[in-house]
Structure formats: C-alpha cells, structure tokens
Amino acid sequence: MELNEGDRVVRGIVFQVAALAGLAVRPHVDEQFGKLVLEGGNKAMEEERRAEAVGNLLLLLGEALKAAQERHGKRDQPALDEECVAVAKKKLCPIYPFD
C-alpha cells in the first residue's frame, strides 16, 4: 500500500468508527490520524506488518474514543477532537508504526 493511500484509508476509518460510536469528529482530527501514519514513514506500510499496524491504529482510535466519552458530561455532544488523540497517543505510544 502506498503511503498516501494509507493516509486516505486511515482518515476514512476514523470517520466510520466515530460514527459507529455516535461521536462527532471535530475538524482536523482525521488529518491528525493520517499524519501519524505519514510520520511513521514507510514502515507503516510494510506488508508483513500491515495487520499489526491496522490493529494498533484501532487501539489508538479506541483510546481516543474513550477519552471523548469521558468528557461527554462536559460537552453537549461527545466528539473526537485533537485533545482525545493526544491523550491516546500519550497512553499507548510508542507502538508500531507510531513510535
């Protein structure tokens, strides 16, 4: 998979998973996840570790969703925002390919 293709796929996953969780996606959050893939460099797209990379992306996204839910009482509508991504990254990283 090409790096730019990976970026687009990740951004699509972010919107789909957030929608399934009933969360809005604040502006630029999808780009933030896509940027994590691009920062991971070519190793993010190594075919032999592709399943591991996708699994770790889902772990990271799951932690971001948890952070959004925990703040639900403080907002009208729970939303996935840049702070949620930062919380998830701090908790889980370094993990492949985001290390």
PDB file of N, CA and C in Angstrom:
ATOM      1  N   MET A   1       0.851  -1.174   0.000  1.00  0.00           N
ATOM      2  CA  MET A   1       0.000   0.000   0.000  1.00  0.00           C
ATOM      3  C   MET A   1       0.893   1.231   0.000  1.00  0.00           C
ATOM      4  N   GLU A   2       0.578   2.178  -0.850  1.00  0.00           N
ATOM      5  CA  GLU A   2       1.322   3.425  -0.906  1.00  0.00           C
ATOM      6  C   GLU A   2       1.003   4.266   0.325  1.00  0.00           C
ATOM      7  N   LEU A   3       1.943   5.111   0.709  1.00  0.00           N
ATOM      8  CA  LEU A   3       1.785   5.935   1.904  1.00  0.00           C
ATOM      9  C   LEU A   3       0.569   6.855   1.815  1.00  0.00           C
ATOM     10  N   ASN A   4       0.377   7.520   0.677  1.00  0.00           N
ATOM     11  CA  ASN A   4      -0.771   8.420   0.530  1.00  0.00           C
ATOM     12  C   ASN A   4      -2.085   7.656   0.584  1.00  0.00           C
ATOM     13  N   GLU A   5      -2.090   6.445   0.041  1.00  0.00           N
ATOM     14  CA  GLU A   5      -3.286   5.609   0.109  1.00  0.00           C
ATOM     15  C   GLU A   5      -3.574   5.244   1.561  1.00  0.00           C
ATOM     16  N   GLY A   6      -2.546   4.934   2.320  1.00  0.00           N
ATOM     17  CA  GLY A   6      -2.707   4.620   3.741  1.00  0.00           C
ATOM     18  C   GLY A   6      -3.300   5.787   4.508  1.00  0.00           C
ATOM     19  N   ASP A   7      -2.855   6.990   4.183  1.00  0.00           N
ATOM     20  CA  ASP A   7      -3.382   8.191   4.822  1.00  0.00           C
ATOM     21  C   ASP A   7      -4.884   8.319   4.572  1.00  0.00           C
ATOM     22  N   ARG A   8      -5.313   8.122   3.329  1.00  0.00           N
ATOM     23  CA  ARG A   8      -6.737   8.221   2.989  1.00  0.00           C
ATOM     24  C   ARG A   8      -7.551   7.131   3.679  1.00  0.00           C
ATOM     25  N   VAL A   9      -7.023   5.932   3.717  1.00  0.00           N
ATOM     26  CA  VAL A   9      -7.726   4.821   4.361  1.00  0.00           C
ATOM     27  C   VAL A   9      -7.903   5.099   5.848  1.00  0.00           C
ATOM     28  N   VAL A  10      -6.844   5.559   6.498  1.00  0.00           N
ATOM     29  CA  VAL A  10      -6.910   5.861   7.934  1.00  0.00           C
ATOM     30  C   VAL A  10      -7.951   6.933   8.209  1.00  0.00           C
ATOM     31  N   ARG A  11      -7.959   7.962   7.402  1.00  0.00           N
ATOM     32  CA  ARG A  11      -8.922   9.048   7.607  1.00  0.00           C
ATOM     33  C   ARG A  11     -10.351   8.539   7.450  1.00  0.00           C
ATOM     34  N   GLY A  12     -10.579   7.645   6.506  1.00  0.00           N
ATOM     35  CA  GLY A  12     -11.903   7.060   6.341  1.00  0.00           C
ATOM     36  C   GLY A  12     -12.307   6.219   7.541  1.00  0.00           C
ATOM     37  N   ILE A  13     -11.362   5.447   8.064  1.00  0.00           N
ATOM     38  CA  ILE A  13     -11.626   4.613   9.247  1.00  0.00           C
ATOM     39  C   ILE A  13     -12.017   5.475  10.431  1.00  0.00           C
ATOM     40  N   VAL A  14     -11.336   6.587  10.620  1.00  0.00           N
ATOM     41  CA  VAL A  14     -11.637   7.483  11.741  1.00  0.00           C
ATOM     42  C   VAL A  14     -13.099   7.922  11.686  1.00  0.00           C
ATOM     43  N   PHE A  15     -13.564   8.359  10.523  1.00  0.00           N
ATOM     44  CA  PHE A  15     -14.953   8.807  10.404  1.00  0.00           C
ATOM     45  C   PHE A  15     -15.939   7.668  10.613  1.00  0.00           C
ATOM     46  N   GLN A  16     -15.639   6.492  10.078  1.00  0.00           N
ATOM     47  CA  GLN A  16     -16.548   5.367  10.211  1.00  0.00           C
ATOM     48  C   GLN A  16     -16.659   4.900  11.653  1.00  0.00           C
ATOM     49  N   VAL A  17     -15.542   4.773  12.330  1.00  0.00           N
ATOM     50  CA  VAL A  17     -15.556   4.293  13.712  1.00  0.00           C
ATOM     51  C   VAL A  17     -16.221   5.321  14.629  1.00  0.00           C
ATOM     52  N   ALA A  18     -15.927   6.582  14.428  1.00  0.00           N
ATOM     53  CA  ALA A  18     -16.569   7.623  15.244  1.00  0.00           C
ATOM     54  C   ALA A  18     -18.080   7.606  15.036  1.00  0.00           C
ATOM     55  N   ALA A  19     -18.510   7.444  13.806  1.00  0.00           N
ATOM     56  CA  ALA A  19     -19.948   7.389  13.531  1.00  0.00           C
ATOM     57  C   ALA A  19     -20.594   6.188  14.218  1.00  0.00           C
ATOM     58  N   LEU A  20     -19.926   5.036  14.169  1.00  0.00           N
ATOM     59  CA  LEU A  20     -20.445   3.854  14.854  1.00  0.00           C
ATOM     60  C   LEU A  20     -20.553   4.079  16.357  1.00  0.00           C
ATOM     61  N   ALA A  21     -19.629   4.859  16.911  1.00  0.00           N
ATOM     62  CA  ALA A  21     -19.628   5.145  18.346  1.00  0.00           C
ATOM     63  C   ALA A  21     -20.571   6.290  18.711  1.00  0.00           C
ATOM     64  N   GLY A  22     -21.177   6.911  17.700  1.00  0.00           N
ATOM     65  CA  GLY A  22     -22.098   8.015  17.959  1.00  0.00           C
ATOM     66  C   GLY A  22     -21.395   9.315  18.291  1.00  0.00           C
ATOM     67  N   LEU A  23     -20.167   9.452  17.841  1.00  0.00           N
ATOM     68  CA  LEU A  23     -19.387  10.653  18.131  1.00  0.00           C
ATOM     69  C   LEU A  23     -19.208  11.507  16.886  1.00  0.00           C
ATOM     70  N   ALA A  24     -19.219  12.795  17.091  1.00  0.00           N
ATOM     71  CA  ALA A  24     -18.864  13.715  16.017  1.00  0.00           C
ATOM     72  C   ALA A  24     -17.343  13.720  15.887  1.00  0.00           C
ATOM     73  N   VAL A  25     -16.860  14.154  14.746  1.00  0.00           N
ATOM     74  CA  VAL A  25     -15.418  14.284  14.526  1.00  0.00           C
ATOM     75  C   VAL A  25     -15.133  15.761  14.320  1.00  0.00           C
ATOM     76  N   ARG A  26     -14.375  16.332  15.235  1.00  0.00           N
ATOM     77  CA  ARG A  26     -14.025  17.749  15.117  1.00  0.00           C
ATOM     78  C   ARG A  26     -13.073  17.944  13.934  1.00  0.00           C
ATOM     79  N   PRO A  27     -13.057  19.156  13.390  1.00  0.00           N
ATOM     80  CA  PRO A  27     -12.172  19.439  12.249  1.00  0.00           C
ATOM     81  C   PRO A  27     -10.721  19.068  12.532  1.00  0.00           C
ATOM     82  N   HIS A  28     -10.090  18.521  11.537  1.00  0.00           N
ATOM     83  CA  HIS A  28      -8.660  18.189  11.511  1.00  0.00           C
ATOM     84  C   HIS A  28      -8.277  16.926  12.276  1.00  0.00           C
ATOM     85  N   VAL A  29      -9.212  16.279  12.966  1.00  0.00           N
ATOM     86  CA  VAL A  29      -8.867  15.066  13.703  1.00  0.00           C
ATOM     87  C   VAL A  29      -8.503  13.938  12.740  1.00  0.00           C
ATOM     88  N   ASP A  30      -9.260  13.793  11.656  1.00  0.00           N
ATOM     89  CA  ASP A  30      -8.930  12.770  10.666  1.00  0.00           C
ATOM     90  C   ASP A  30      -7.542  13.025  10.091  1.00  0.00           C
ATOM     91  N   GLU A  31      -7.216  14.288   9.874  1.00  0.00           N
ATOM     92  CA  GLU A  31      -5.884  14.637   9.365  1.00  0.00           C
ATOM     93  C   GLU A  31      -4.802  14.288  10.385  1.00  0.00           C
ATOM     94  N   GLN A  32      -5.125  14.443  11.676  1.00  0.00           N
ATOM     95  CA  GLN A  32      -4.165  14.123  12.726  1.00  0.00           C
ATOM     96  C   GLN A  32      -3.831  12.634  12.715  1.00  0.00           C
ATOM     97  N   PHE A  33      -4.830  11.781  12.545  1.00  0.00           N
ATOM     98  CA  PHE A  33      -4.568  10.344  12.457  1.00  0.00           C
ATOM     99  C   PHE A  33      -3.789  10.021  11.189  1.00  0.00           C
ATOM    100  N   GLY A  34      -4.179  10.645  10.083  1.00  0.00           N
ATOM    101  CA  GLY A  34      -3.457  10.444   8.830  1.00  0.00           C
ATOM    102  C   GLY A  34      -2.005  10.869   8.951  1.00  0.00           C
ATOM    103  N   LYS A  35      -1.777  11.952   9.666  1.00  0.00           N
ATOM    104  CA  LYS A  35      -0.411  12.451   9.880  1.00  0.00           C
ATOM    105  C   LYS A  35       0.418  11.445  10.679  1.00  0.00           C
ATOM    106  N   LEU A  36      -0.206  10.779  11.636  1.00  0.00           N
ATOM    107  CA  LEU A  36       0.501   9.752  12.402  1.00  0.00           C
ATOM    108  C   LEU A  36       1.014   8.656  11.485  1.00  0.00           C
ATOM    109  N   VAL A  37       0.212   8.299  10.488  1.00  0.00           N
ATOM    110  CA  VAL A  37       0.629   7.274   9.527  1.00  0.00           C
ATOM    111  C   VAL A  37       1.801   7.788   8.706  1.00  0.00           C
ATOM    112  N   LEU A  38       1.695   9.014   8.228  1.00  0.00           N
ATOM    113  CA  LEU A  38       2.759   9.581   7.407  1.00  0.00           C
ATOM    114  C   LEU A  38       4.047   9.746   8.204  1.00  0.00           C
ATOM    115  N   GLU A  39       3.932  10.120   9.485  1.00  0.00           N
ATOM    116  CA  GLU A  39       5.114  10.263  10.338  1.00  0.00           C
ATOM    117  C   GLU A  39       5.774   8.918  10.594  1.00  0.00           C
ATOM    118  N   GLY A  40       4.974   7.837  10.537  1.00  0.00           N
ATOM    119  CA  GLY A  40       5.520   6.502  10.733  1.00  0.00           C
ATOM    120  C   GLY A  40       6.436   6.082   9.600  1.00  0.00           C
ATOM    121  N   GLY A  41       6.358   6.808   8.489  1.00  0.00           N
ATOM    122  CA  GLY A  41       7.222   6.519   7.353  1.00  0.00           C
ATOM    123  C   GLY A  41       6.828   5.242   6.648  1.00  0.00           C
ATOM    124  N   ASN A  42       7.729   4.719   5.846  1.00  0.00           N
ATOM    125  CA  ASN A  42       7.444   3.532   5.040  1.00  0.00           C
ATOM    126  C   ASN A  42       7.144   2.304   5.880  1.00  0.00           C
ATOM    127  N   LYS A  43       7.660   2.246   7.113  1.00  0.00           N
ATOM    128  CA  LYS A  43       7.400   1.054   7.914  1.00  0.00           C
ATOM    129  C   LYS A  43       5.914   0.897   8.224  1.00  0.00           C
ATOM    130  N   ALA A  44       5.152   1.994   8.141  1.00  0.00           N
ATOM    131  CA  ALA A  44       3.712   1.916   8.364  1.00  0.00           C
ATOM    132  C   ALA A  44       3.030   1.087   7.283  1.00  0.00           C
ATOM    133  N   MET A  45       3.694   0.930   6.158  1.00  0.00           N
ATOM    134  CA  MET A  45       3.078   0.246   5.034  1.00  0.00           C
ATOM    135  C   MET A  45       3.755  -1.086   4.705  1.00  0.00           C
ATOM    136  N   GLU A  46       4.612  -1.580   5.582  1.00  0.00           N
ATOM    137  CA  GLU A  46       5.254  -2.867   5.337  1.00  0.00           C
ATOM    138  C   GLU A  46       4.182  -3.946   5.311  1.00  0.00           C
ATOM    139  N   GLU A  47       4.099  -4.662   4.202  1.00  0.00           N
ATOM    140  CA  GLU A  47       3.052  -5.672   4.033  1.00  0.00           C
ATOM    141  C   GLU A  47       3.082  -6.740   5.121  1.00  0.00           C
ATOM    142  N   GLU A  48       4.260  -7.176   5.514  1.00  0.00           N
ATOM    143  CA  GLU A  48       4.342  -8.255   6.510  1.00  0.00           C
ATOM    144  C   GLU A  48       3.875  -7.813   7.900  1.00  0.00           C
ATOM    145  N   ARG A  49       3.782  -6.493   8.124  1.00  0.00           N
ATOM    146  CA  ARG A  49       3.315  -5.991   9.424  1.00  0.00           C
ATOM    147  C   ARG A  49       2.036  -5.165   9.292  1.00  0.00           C
ATOM    148  N   ARG A  50       1.402  -5.291   8.156  1.00  0.00           N
ATOM    149  CA  ARG A  50       0.201  -4.494   7.892  1.00  0.00           C
ATOM    150  C   ARG A  50      -0.908  -4.779   8.899  1.00  0.00           C
ATOM    151  N   ALA A  51      -1.161  -6.034   9.220  1.00  0.00           N
ATOM    152  CA  ALA A  51      -2.213  -6.381  10.181  1.00  0.00           C
ATOM    153  C   ALA A  51      -1.910  -5.793  11.554  1.00  0.00           C
ATOM    154  N   GLU A  52      -0.658  -5.844  11.954  1.00  0.00           N
ATOM    155  CA  GLU A  52      -0.255  -5.270  13.241  1.00  0.00           C
ATOM    156  C   GLU A  52      -0.475  -3.755  13.249  1.00  0.00           C
ATOM    157  N   ALA A  53      -0.118  -3.098  12.144  1.00  0.00           N
ATOM    158  CA  ALA A  53      -0.295  -1.647  12.043  1.00  0.00           C
ATOM    159  C   ALA A  53      -1.770  -1.265  12.130  1.00  0.00           C
ATOM    160  N   VAL A  54      -2.632  -2.011  11.448  1.00  0.00           N
ATOM    161  CA  VAL A  54      -4.068  -1.731  11.482  1.00  0.00           C
ATOM    162  C   VAL A  54      -4.608  -1.973  12.894  1.00  0.00           C
ATOM    163  N   GLY A  55      -4.198  -3.063  13.513  1.00  0.00           N
ATOM    164  CA  GLY A  55      -4.637  -3.350  14.884  1.00  0.00           C
ATOM    165  C   GLY A  55      -4.235  -2.250  15.854  1.00  0.00           C
ATOM    166  N   ASN A  56      -3.021  -1.764  15.708  1.00  0.00           N
ATOM    167  CA  ASN A  56      -2.551  -0.698  16.590  1.00  0.00           C
ATOM    168  C   ASN A  56      -3.251   0.627  16.306  1.00  0.00           C
ATOM    169  N   LEU A  57      -3.589   0.867  15.052  1.00  0.00           N
ATOM    170  CA  LEU A  57      -4.387   2.053  14.723  1.00  0.00           C
ATOM    171  C   LEU A  57      -5.733   1.983  15.437  1.00  0.00           C
ATOM    172  N   LEU A  58      -6.347   0.797  15.426  1.00  0.00           N
ATOM    173  CA  LEU A  58      -7.639   0.639  16.091  1.00  0.00           C
ATOM    174  C   LEU A  58      -7.519   0.790  17.607  1.00  0.00           C
ATOM    175  N   LEU A  59      -6.411   0.315  18.173  1.00  0.00           N
ATOM    176  CA  LEU A  59      -6.172   0.532  19.612  1.00  0.00           C
ATOM    177  C   LEU A  59      -6.079   2.020  19.921  1.00  0.00           C
ATOM    178  N   LEU A  60      -5.324   2.732  19.105  1.00  0.00           N
ATOM    179  CA  LEU A  60      -5.148   4.164  19.289  1.00  0.00           C
ATOM    180  C   LEU A  60      -6.475   4.897  19.135  1.00  0.00           C
ATOM    181  N   LEU A  61      -7.233   4.520  18.126  1.00  0.00           N
ATOM    182  CA  LEU A  61      -8.540   5.127  17.915  1.00  0.00           C
ATOM    183  C   LEU A  61      -9.490   4.800  19.067  1.00  0.00           C
ATOM    184  N   GLY A  62      -9.422   3.575  19.560  1.00  0.00           N
ATOM    185  CA  GLY A  62     -10.254   3.185  20.702  1.00  0.00           C
ATOM    186  C   GLY A  62      -9.964   4.015  21.938  1.00  0.00           C
ATOM    187  N   GLU A  63      -8.706   4.257  22.204  1.00  0.00           N
ATOM    188  CA  GLU A  63      -8.341   5.098  23.354  1.00  0.00           C
ATOM    189  C   GLU A  63      -8.810   6.536  23.164  1.00  0.00           C
ATOM    190  N   ALA A  64      -8.751   7.029  21.936  1.00  0.00           N
ATOM    191  CA  ALA A  64      -9.250   8.373  21.652  1.00  0.00           C
ATOM    192  C   ALA A  64     -10.763   8.443  21.863  1.00  0.00           C
ATOM    193  N   LEU A  65     -11.477   7.387  21.475  1.00  0.00           N
ATOM    194  CA  LEU A  65     -12.926   7.335  21.696  1.00  0.00           C
ATOM    195  C   LEU A  65     -13.251   7.328  23.182  1.00  0.00           C
ATOM    196  N   LYS A  66     -12.476   6.570  23.957  1.00  0.00           N
ATOM    197  CA  LYS A  66     -12.681   6.548  25.413  1.00  0.00           C
ATOM    198  C   LYS A  66     -12.490   7.933  26.007  1.00  0.00           C
ATOM    199  N   ALA A  67     -11.455   8.627  25.565  1.00  0.00           N
ATOM    200  CA  ALA A  67     -11.189   9.976  26.065  1.00  0.00           C
ATOM    201  C   ALA A  67     -12.361  10.905  25.737  1.00  0.00           C
ATOM    202  N   ALA A  68     -12.933  10.756  24.550  1.00  0.00           N
ATOM    203  CA  ALA A  68     -14.081  11.582  24.161  1.00  0.00           C
ATOM    204  C   ALA A  68     -15.291  11.266  25.032  1.00  0.00           C
ATOM    205  N   GLN A  69     -15.513  10.000  25.298  1.00  0.00           N
ATOM    206  CA  GLN A  69     -16.653   9.607  26.133  1.00  0.00           C
ATOM    207  C   GLN A  69     -16.501  10.105  27.562  1.00  0.00           C
ATOM    208  N   GLU A  70     -15.279  10.062  28.093  1.00  0.00           N
ATOM    209  CA  GLU A  70     -15.047  10.505  29.463  1.00  0.00           C
ATOM    210  C   GLU A  70     -15.354  11.989  29.625  1.00  0.00           C
ATOM    211  N   ARG A  71     -15.233  12.741  28.563  1.00  0.00           N
ATOM    212  CA  ARG A  71     -15.523  14.170  28.619  1.00  0.00           C
ATOM    213  C   ARG A  71     -16.961  14.474  28.214  1.00  0.00           C
ATOM    214  N   HIS A  72     -17.758  13.428  27.981  1.00  0.00           N
ATOM    215  CA  HIS A  72     -19.131  13.592  27.495  1.00  0.00           C
ATOM    216  C   HIS A  72     -19.953  14.522  28.372  1.00  0.00           C
ATOM    217  N   GLY A  73     -19.828  14.427  29.671  1.00  0.00           N
ATOM    218  CA  GLY A  73     -20.595  15.262  30.579  1.00  0.00           C
ATOM    219  C   GLY A  73     -20.225  16.725  30.495  1.00  0.00           C
ATOM    220  N   LYS A  74     -19.088  17.016  29.920  1.00  0.00           N
ATOM    221  CA  LYS A  74     -18.612  18.387  29.838  1.00  0.00           C
ATOM    222  C   LYS A  74     -18.984  19.056  28.512  1.00  0.00           C
ATOM    223  N   ARG A  75     -19.612  18.308  27.609  1.00  0.00           N
ATOM    224  CA  ARG A  75     -19.963  18.841  26.289  1.00  0.00           C
ATOM    225  C   ARG A  75     -21.409  18.484  25.961  1.00  0.00           C
ATOM    226  N   ASP A  76     -21.986  19.255  25.052  1.00  0.00           N
ATOM    227  CA  ASP A  76     -23.346  18.939  24.600  1.00  0.00           C
ATOM    228  C   ASP A  76     -23.370  17.614  23.854  1.00  0.00           C
ATOM    229  N   GLN A  77     -22.410  17.418  22.962  1.00  0.00           N
ATOM    230  CA  GLN A  77     -22.321  16.175  22.190  1.00  0.00           C
ATOM    231  C   GLN A  77     -20.890  15.663  22.280  1.00  0.00           C
ATOM    232  N   PRO A  78     -20.718  14.397  22.649  1.00  0.00           N
ATOM    233  CA  PRO A  78     -19.352  13.887  22.686  1.00  0.00           C
ATOM    234  C   PRO A  78     -18.728  13.943  21.291  1.00  0.00           C
ATOM    235  N   ALA A  79     -17.478  14.313  21.253  1.00  0.00           N
ATOM    236  CA  ALA A  79     -16.814  14.446  19.957  1.00  0.00           C
ATOM    237  C   ALA A  79     -15.366  14.016  20.065  1.00  0.00           C
ATOM    238  N   LEU A  80     -14.887  13.466  18.979  1.00  0.00           N
ATOM    239  CA  LEU A  80     -13.485  13.094  18.856  1.00  0.00           C
ATOM    240  C   LEU A  80     -12.743  14.351  18.424  1.00  0.00           C
ATOM    241  N   ASP A  81     -11.816  14.823  19.262  1.00  0.00           N
ATOM    242  CA  ASP A  81     -11.077  16.031  18.923  1.00  0.00           C
ATOM    243  C   ASP A  81      -9.578  15.801  19.085  1.00  0.00           C
ATOM    244  N   GLU A  82      -8.805  16.821  18.796  1.00  0.00           N
ATOM    245  CA  GLU A  82      -7.347  16.694  18.811  1.00  0.00           C
ATOM    246  C   GLU A  82      -6.810  16.340  20.194  1.00  0.00           C
ATOM    247  N   GLU A  83      -7.464  16.821  21.231  1.00  0.00           N
ATOM    248  CA  GLU A  83      -7.030  16.501  22.594  1.00  0.00           C
ATOM    249  C   GLU A  83      -7.199  15.005  22.881  1.00  0.00           C
ATOM    250  N   CYS A  84      -8.278  14.414  22.380  1.00  0.00           N
ATOM    251  CA  CYS A  84      -8.515  12.975  22.559  1.00  0.00           C
ATOM    252  C   CYS A  84      -7.408  12.160  21.897  1.00  0.00           C
ATOM    253  N   VAL A  85      -6.994  12.587  20.716  1.00  0.00           N
ATOM    254  CA  VAL A  85      -5.916  11.895  20.006  1.00  0.00           C
ATOM    255  C   VAL A  85      -4.611  12.012  20.792  1.00  0.00           C
ATOM    256  N   ALA A  86      -4.342  13.181  21.339  1.00  0.00           N
ATOM    257  CA  ALA A  86      -3.122  13.387  22.130  1.00  0.00           C
ATOM    258  C   ALA A  86      -3.119  12.501  23.372  1.00  0.00           C
ATOM    259  N   VAL A  87      -4.266  12.377  24.033  1.00  0.00           N
ATOM    260  CA  VAL A  87      -4.388  11.517  25.214  1.00  0.00           C
ATOM    261  C   VAL A  87      -4.099  10.064  24.834  1.00  0.00           C
ATOM    262  N   ALA A  88      -4.678   9.615  23.733  1.00  0.00           N
ATOM    263  CA  ALA A  88      -4.484   8.235  23.281  1.00  0.00           C
ATOM    264  C   ALA A  88      -3.025   7.979  22.914  1.00  0.00           C
ATOM    265  N   LYS A  89      -2.436   8.905  22.196  1.00  0.00           N
ATOM    266  CA  LYS A  89      -1.038   8.743  21.786  1.00  0.00           C
ATOM    267  C   LYS A  89      -0.116   8.686  23.001  1.00  0.00           C
ATOM    268  N   LYS A  90      -0.377   9.553  23.971  1.00  0.00           N
ATOM    269  CA  LYS A  90       0.448   9.571  25.189  1.00  0.00           C
ATOM    270  C   LYS A  90       0.322   8.255  25.952  1.00  0.00           C
ATOM    271  N   LYS A  91      -0.872   7.698  25.974  1.00  0.00           N
ATOM    272  CA  LYS A  91      -1.108   6.462  26.724  1.00  0.00           C
ATOM    273  C   LYS A  91      -0.477   5.245  26.051  1.00  0.00           C
ATOM    274  N   LEU A  92      -0.556   5.164  24.726  1.00  0.00           N
ATOM    275  CA  LEU A  92      -0.162   3.940  24.029  1.00  0.00           C
ATOM    276  C   LEU A  92       1.211   3.970  23.365  1.00  0.00           C
ATOM    277  N   CYS A  93       1.639   5.107  22.910  1.00  0.00           N
ATOM    278  CA  CYS A  93       2.873   5.157  22.123  1.00  0.00           C
ATOM    279  C   CYS A  93       4.095   5.082  23.017  1.00  0.00           C
ATOM    280  N   PRO A  94       5.134   4.456  22.562  1.00  0.00           N
ATOM    281  CA  PRO A  94       5.356   4.012  21.189  1.00  0.00           C
ATOM    282  C   PRO A  94       4.784   2.626  20.914  1.00  0.00           C
ATOM    283  N   ILE A  95       3.994   2.538  19.871  1.00  0.00           N
ATOM    284  CA  ILE A  95       3.550   1.259  19.304  1.00  0.00           C
ATOM    285  C   ILE A  95       3.749   1.338  17.801  1.00  0.00           C
ATOM    286  N   TYR A  96       3.999   0.197  17.185  1.00  0.00           N
ATOM    287  CA  TYR A  96       4.226   0.149  15.743  1.00  0.00           C
ATOM    288  C   TYR A  96       2.940   0.539  15.025  1.00  0.00           C
ATOM    289  N   PRO A  97       2.975   1.346  14.055  1.00  0.00           N
ATOM    290  CA  PRO A  97       4.096   2.071  13.452  1.00  0.00           C
ATOM    291  C   PRO A  97       4.219   3.502  13.929  1.00  0.00           C
ATOM    292  N   PHE A  98       3.628   3.802  15.069  1.00  0.00           N
ATOM    293  CA  PHE A  98       3.553   5.174  15.545  1.00  0.00           C
ATOM    294  C   PHE A  98       4.642   5.546  16.543  1.00  0.00           C
ATOM    295  N   ASP A  99       5.747   4.785  16.575  1.00  0.00           N
ATOM    296  CA  ASP A  99       6.786   5.033  17.561  1.00  0.00           C
ATOM    297  C   ASP A  99       7.845   5.936  17.066  1.00  0.00           C
TER     298      ASP A  99
END
